[in-house]
Amino acid sequence: MSLLCDKKTVTILAGETISTVLDKIAFKYLCIFLPSNWVTSAITFQGCDTIDGTFNTIIKASDASIITIASIDASKVVILDYDVIEAMVAIPYIKLVSTQTQTSTDKIIIITLKR
């Protein structure tokens, strides 16, 4: 098992709320680095079993709640807690969803992944 992390990016285009696809098929853990131009927002997730399929909101079966990262501002690093990691471990492709429109410029979000 490698101790190194893989780095990928997803983008939320200006005027949009949903990111491009993150391929996390070979990874369990992920960490989100929000850019300095991020519009303060909560984050939810969509998942799919194929890279180009229909992405649906990810919920926890135990209480049917949407997996949500509380409202967070720019230039923050988000470490996902165990419950969120376990809820998404078997989902190979995800998208981040901002609850606020990311205005004026594209938002490039760095994500590090670990097996």
C-alpha atoms as a PDB file:
ATOM      1  CA  MET A   1       0.000   0.000   0.000  1.00  0.00           C
ATOM      2  CA  SER A   2       1.411   3.345  -1.029  1.00  0.00           C
ATOM      3  CA  LEU A   3       1.643   6.147   1.506  1.00  0.00           C
ATOM      4  CA  LEU A   4       1.615   8.710  -1.280  1.00  0.00           C
ATOM      5  CA  CYS A   5      -1.464  10.640  -2.265  1.00  0.00           C
ATOM      6  CA  ASP A   6      -2.719  11.212  -5.785  1.00  0.00           C
ATOM      7  CA  LYS A   7      -3.781  14.742  -6.715  1.00  0.00           C
ATOM      8  CA  LYS A   8      -6.672  15.517  -9.039  1.00  0.00           C
ATOM      9  CA  THR A   9      -8.831  18.536  -9.758  1.00  0.00           C
ATOM     10  CA  VAL A  10     -12.492  19.161 -10.458  1.00  0.00           C
ATOM     11  CA  THR A  11     -13.972  22.394 -11.748  1.00  0.00           C
ATOM     12  CA  ILE A  12     -17.216  24.205 -11.083  1.00  0.00           C
ATOM     13  CA  LEU A  13     -17.735  26.605 -13.953  1.00  0.00           C
ATOM     14  CA  ALA A  14     -18.663  30.227 -13.274  1.00  0.00           C
ATOM     15  CA  GLY A  15     -22.428  30.506 -12.807  1.00  0.00           C
ATOM     16  CA  GLU A  16     -22.793  26.787 -12.008  1.00  0.00           C
ATOM     17  CA  THR A  17     -23.130  24.627  -8.890  1.00  0.00           C
ATOM     18  CA  ILE A  18     -21.963  21.144  -9.959  1.00  0.00           C
ATOM     19  CA  SER A  19     -18.359  20.085 -10.554  1.00  0.00           C
ATOM     20  CA  THR A  20     -16.829  17.983 -13.250  1.00  0.00           C
ATOM     21  CA  VAL A  21     -16.427  14.270 -12.479  1.00  0.00           C
ATOM     22  CA  LEU A  22     -13.911  13.002  -9.943  1.00  0.00           C
ATOM     23  CA  ASP A  23     -12.702   9.488 -10.744  1.00  0.00           C
ATOM     24  CA  LYS A  24     -12.019   7.975  -7.309  1.00  0.00           C
ATOM     25  CA  ILE A  25     -12.432   4.355  -8.366  1.00  0.00           C
ATOM     26  CA  ALA A  26      -9.122   3.186  -6.839  1.00  0.00           C
ATOM     27  CA  PHE A  27      -9.269   5.373  -3.740  1.00  0.00           C
ATOM     28  CA  LYS A  28     -11.068   5.402  -0.397  1.00  0.00           C
ATOM     29  CA  TYR A  29      -9.960   8.638   1.263  1.00  0.00           C
ATOM     30  CA  LEU A  30     -10.213  12.137  -0.138  1.00  0.00           C
ATOM     31  CA  CYS A  31      -9.404  15.635   1.026  1.00  0.00           C
ATOM     32  CA  ILE A  32     -10.829  18.788  -0.583  1.00  0.00           C
ATOM     33  CA  PHE A  33      -8.784  21.993  -0.992  1.00  0.00           C
ATOM     34  CA  LEU A  34     -11.118  24.913  -1.701  1.00  0.00           C
ATOM     35  CA  PRO A  35      -9.692  27.760  -3.805  1.00  0.00           C
ATOM     36  CA  SER A  36      -9.346  31.378  -2.701  1.00  0.00           C
ATOM     37  CA  ASN A  37     -12.187  32.404  -5.042  1.00  0.00           C
ATOM     38  CA  TRP A  38     -14.697  29.901  -3.564  1.00  0.00           C
ATOM     39  CA  VAL A  39     -18.128  31.393  -2.793  1.00  0.00           C
ATOM     40  CA  THR A  40     -19.088  30.368   0.768  1.00  0.00           C
ATOM     41  CA  SER A  41     -21.343  27.352   0.445  1.00  0.00           C
ATOM     42  CA  ALA A  42     -22.272  23.980   1.827  1.00  0.00           C
ATOM     43  CA  ILE A  43     -21.189  21.016  -0.304  1.00  0.00           C
ATOM     44  CA  THR A  44     -23.161  17.888  -1.121  1.00  0.00           C
ATOM     45  CA  PHE A  45     -22.206  15.027  -3.427  1.00  0.00           C
ATOM     46  CA  GLN A  46     -23.600  13.201  -6.433  1.00  0.00           C
ATOM     47  CA  GLY A  47     -22.454   9.734  -7.418  1.00  0.00           C
ATOM     48  CA  CYS A  48     -22.588   7.362 -10.345  1.00  0.00           C
ATOM     49  CA  ASP A  49     -21.314   3.890 -11.230  1.00  0.00           C
ATOM     50  CA  THR A  50     -20.099   5.069 -14.663  1.00  0.00           C
ATOM     51  CA  ILE A  51     -18.133   8.165 -15.625  1.00  0.00           C
ATOM     52  CA  ASP A  52     -20.746   9.376 -18.114  1.00  0.00           C
ATOM     53  CA  GLY A  53     -23.972   8.124 -16.515  1.00  0.00           C
ATOM     54  CA  THR A  54     -26.672   9.871 -14.537  1.00  0.00           C
ATOM     55  CA  PHE A  55     -25.327  11.316 -11.285  1.00  0.00           C
ATOM     56  CA  ASN A  56     -27.687  11.206  -8.306  1.00  0.00           C
ATOM     57  CA  THR A  57     -27.520  12.735  -4.833  1.00  0.00           C
ATOM     58  CA  ILE A  58     -25.646  10.560  -2.328  1.00  0.00           C
ATOM     59  CA  ILE A  59     -27.573   9.829   0.882  1.00  0.00           C
ATOM     60  CA  LYS A  60     -26.911   7.737   3.974  1.00  0.00           C
ATOM     61  CA  ALA A  61     -29.267   4.748   4.171  1.00  0.00           C
ATOM     62  CA  SER A  62     -29.374   4.790   7.972  1.00  0.00           C
ATOM     63  CA  ASP A  63     -31.407   7.994   8.083  1.00  0.00           C
ATOM     64  CA  ALA A  64     -31.900   8.916   4.398  1.00  0.00           C
ATOM     65  CA  SER A  65     -30.050  12.186   4.951  1.00  0.00           C
ATOM     66  CA  ILE A  66     -28.030  13.881   2.246  1.00  0.00           C
ATOM     67  CA  ILE A  67     -24.292  13.796   2.881  1.00  0.00           C
ATOM     68  CA  THR A  68     -23.426  17.442   3.484  1.00  0.00           C
ATOM     69  CA  ILE A  69     -20.344  19.432   4.366  1.00  0.00           C
ATOM     70  CA  ALA A  70     -21.511  22.447   6.377  1.00  0.00           C
ATOM     71  CA  SER A  71     -21.189  25.890   4.825  1.00  0.00           C
ATOM     72  CA  ILE A  72     -17.522  26.658   4.362  1.00  0.00           C
ATOM     73  CA  ASP A  73     -15.631  29.638   3.028  1.00  0.00           C
ATOM     74  CA  ALA A  74     -12.688  30.030   0.663  1.00  0.00           C
ATOM     75  CA  SER A  75      -9.154  28.716   1.128  1.00  0.00           C
ATOM     76  CA  LYS A  76     -10.112  25.904   3.492  1.00  0.00           C
ATOM     77  CA  VAL A  77      -9.046  22.262   3.542  1.00  0.00           C
ATOM     78  CA  VAL A  78     -11.899  19.832   4.131  1.00  0.00           C
ATOM     79  CA  ILE A  79     -11.081  16.493   5.742  1.00  0.00           C
ATOM     80  CA  LEU A  80     -13.984  14.067   5.399  1.00  0.00           C
ATOM     81  CA  ASP A  81     -15.008  12.270   8.555  1.00  0.00           C
ATOM     82  CA  TYR A  82     -15.335   8.500   8.795  1.00  0.00           C
ATOM     83  CA  ASP A  83     -19.117   8.407   8.205  1.00  0.00           C
ATOM     84  CA  VAL A  84     -18.792  10.338   4.951  1.00  0.00           C
ATOM     85  CA  ILE A  85     -15.850   8.228   3.774  1.00  0.00           C
ATOM     86  CA  GLU A  86     -17.734   5.005   4.476  1.00  0.00           C
ATOM     87  CA  ALA A  87     -20.884   6.293   2.770  1.00  0.00           C
ATOM     88  CA  MET A  88     -18.950   7.013  -0.430  1.00  0.00           C
ATOM     89  CA  VAL A  89     -16.348   4.237  -0.424  1.00  0.00           C
ATOM     90  CA  ALA A  90     -18.074   2.117  -3.089  1.00  0.00           C
ATOM     91  CA  ILE A  91     -18.993   5.014  -5.372  1.00  0.00           C
ATOM     92  CA  PRO A  92     -16.406   5.192  -8.162  1.00  0.00           C
ATOM     93  CA  TYR A  93     -17.366   8.567  -9.652  1.00  0.00           C
ATOM     94  CA  ILE A  94     -18.530  11.643  -7.763  1.00  0.00           C
ATOM     95  CA  LYS A  95     -19.338  15.286  -8.344  1.00  0.00           C
ATOM     96  CA  LEU A  96     -19.226  18.047  -5.746  1.00  0.00           C
ATOM     97  CA  VAL A  97     -22.339  20.200  -5.538  1.00  0.00           C
ATOM     98  CA  SER A  98     -22.202  23.732  -4.147  1.00  0.00           C
ATOM     99  CA  THR A  99     -25.400  24.993  -2.533  1.00  0.00           C
ATOM    100  CA  GLN A 100     -24.521  28.484  -3.836  1.00  0.00           C
ATOM    101  CA  THR A 101     -23.803  29.409  -7.431  1.00  0.00           C
ATOM    102  CA  GLN A 102     -20.074  29.861  -7.924  1.00  0.00           C
ATOM    103  CA  THR A 103     -20.119  33.280  -9.536  1.00  0.00           C
ATOM    104  CA  SER A 104     -17.735  35.263 -11.734  1.00  0.00           C
ATOM    105  CA  THR A 105     -14.869  32.772 -12.274  1.00  0.00           C
ATOM    106  CA  ASP A 106     -14.389  29.033 -12.625  1.00  0.00           C
ATOM    107  CA  LYS A 107     -13.563  27.288  -9.349  1.00  0.00           C
ATOM    108  CA  ILE A 108     -10.746  24.767  -9.634  1.00  0.00           C
ATOM    109  CA  ILE A 109     -10.839  22.479  -6.614  1.00  0.00           C
ATOM    110  CA  ILE A 110      -7.825  20.346  -5.758  1.00  0.00           C
ATOM    111  CA  ILE A 111      -8.580  16.930  -4.304  1.00  0.00           C
ATOM    112  CA  THR A 112      -6.013  14.553  -2.872  1.00  0.00           C
ATOM    113  CA  LEU A 113      -6.850  10.869  -2.805  1.00  0.00           C
ATOM    114  CA  LYS A 114      -5.407   7.946  -0.862  1.00  0.00           C
ATOM    115  CA  ARG A 115      -6.065   4.230  -1.033  1.00  0.00           C
END
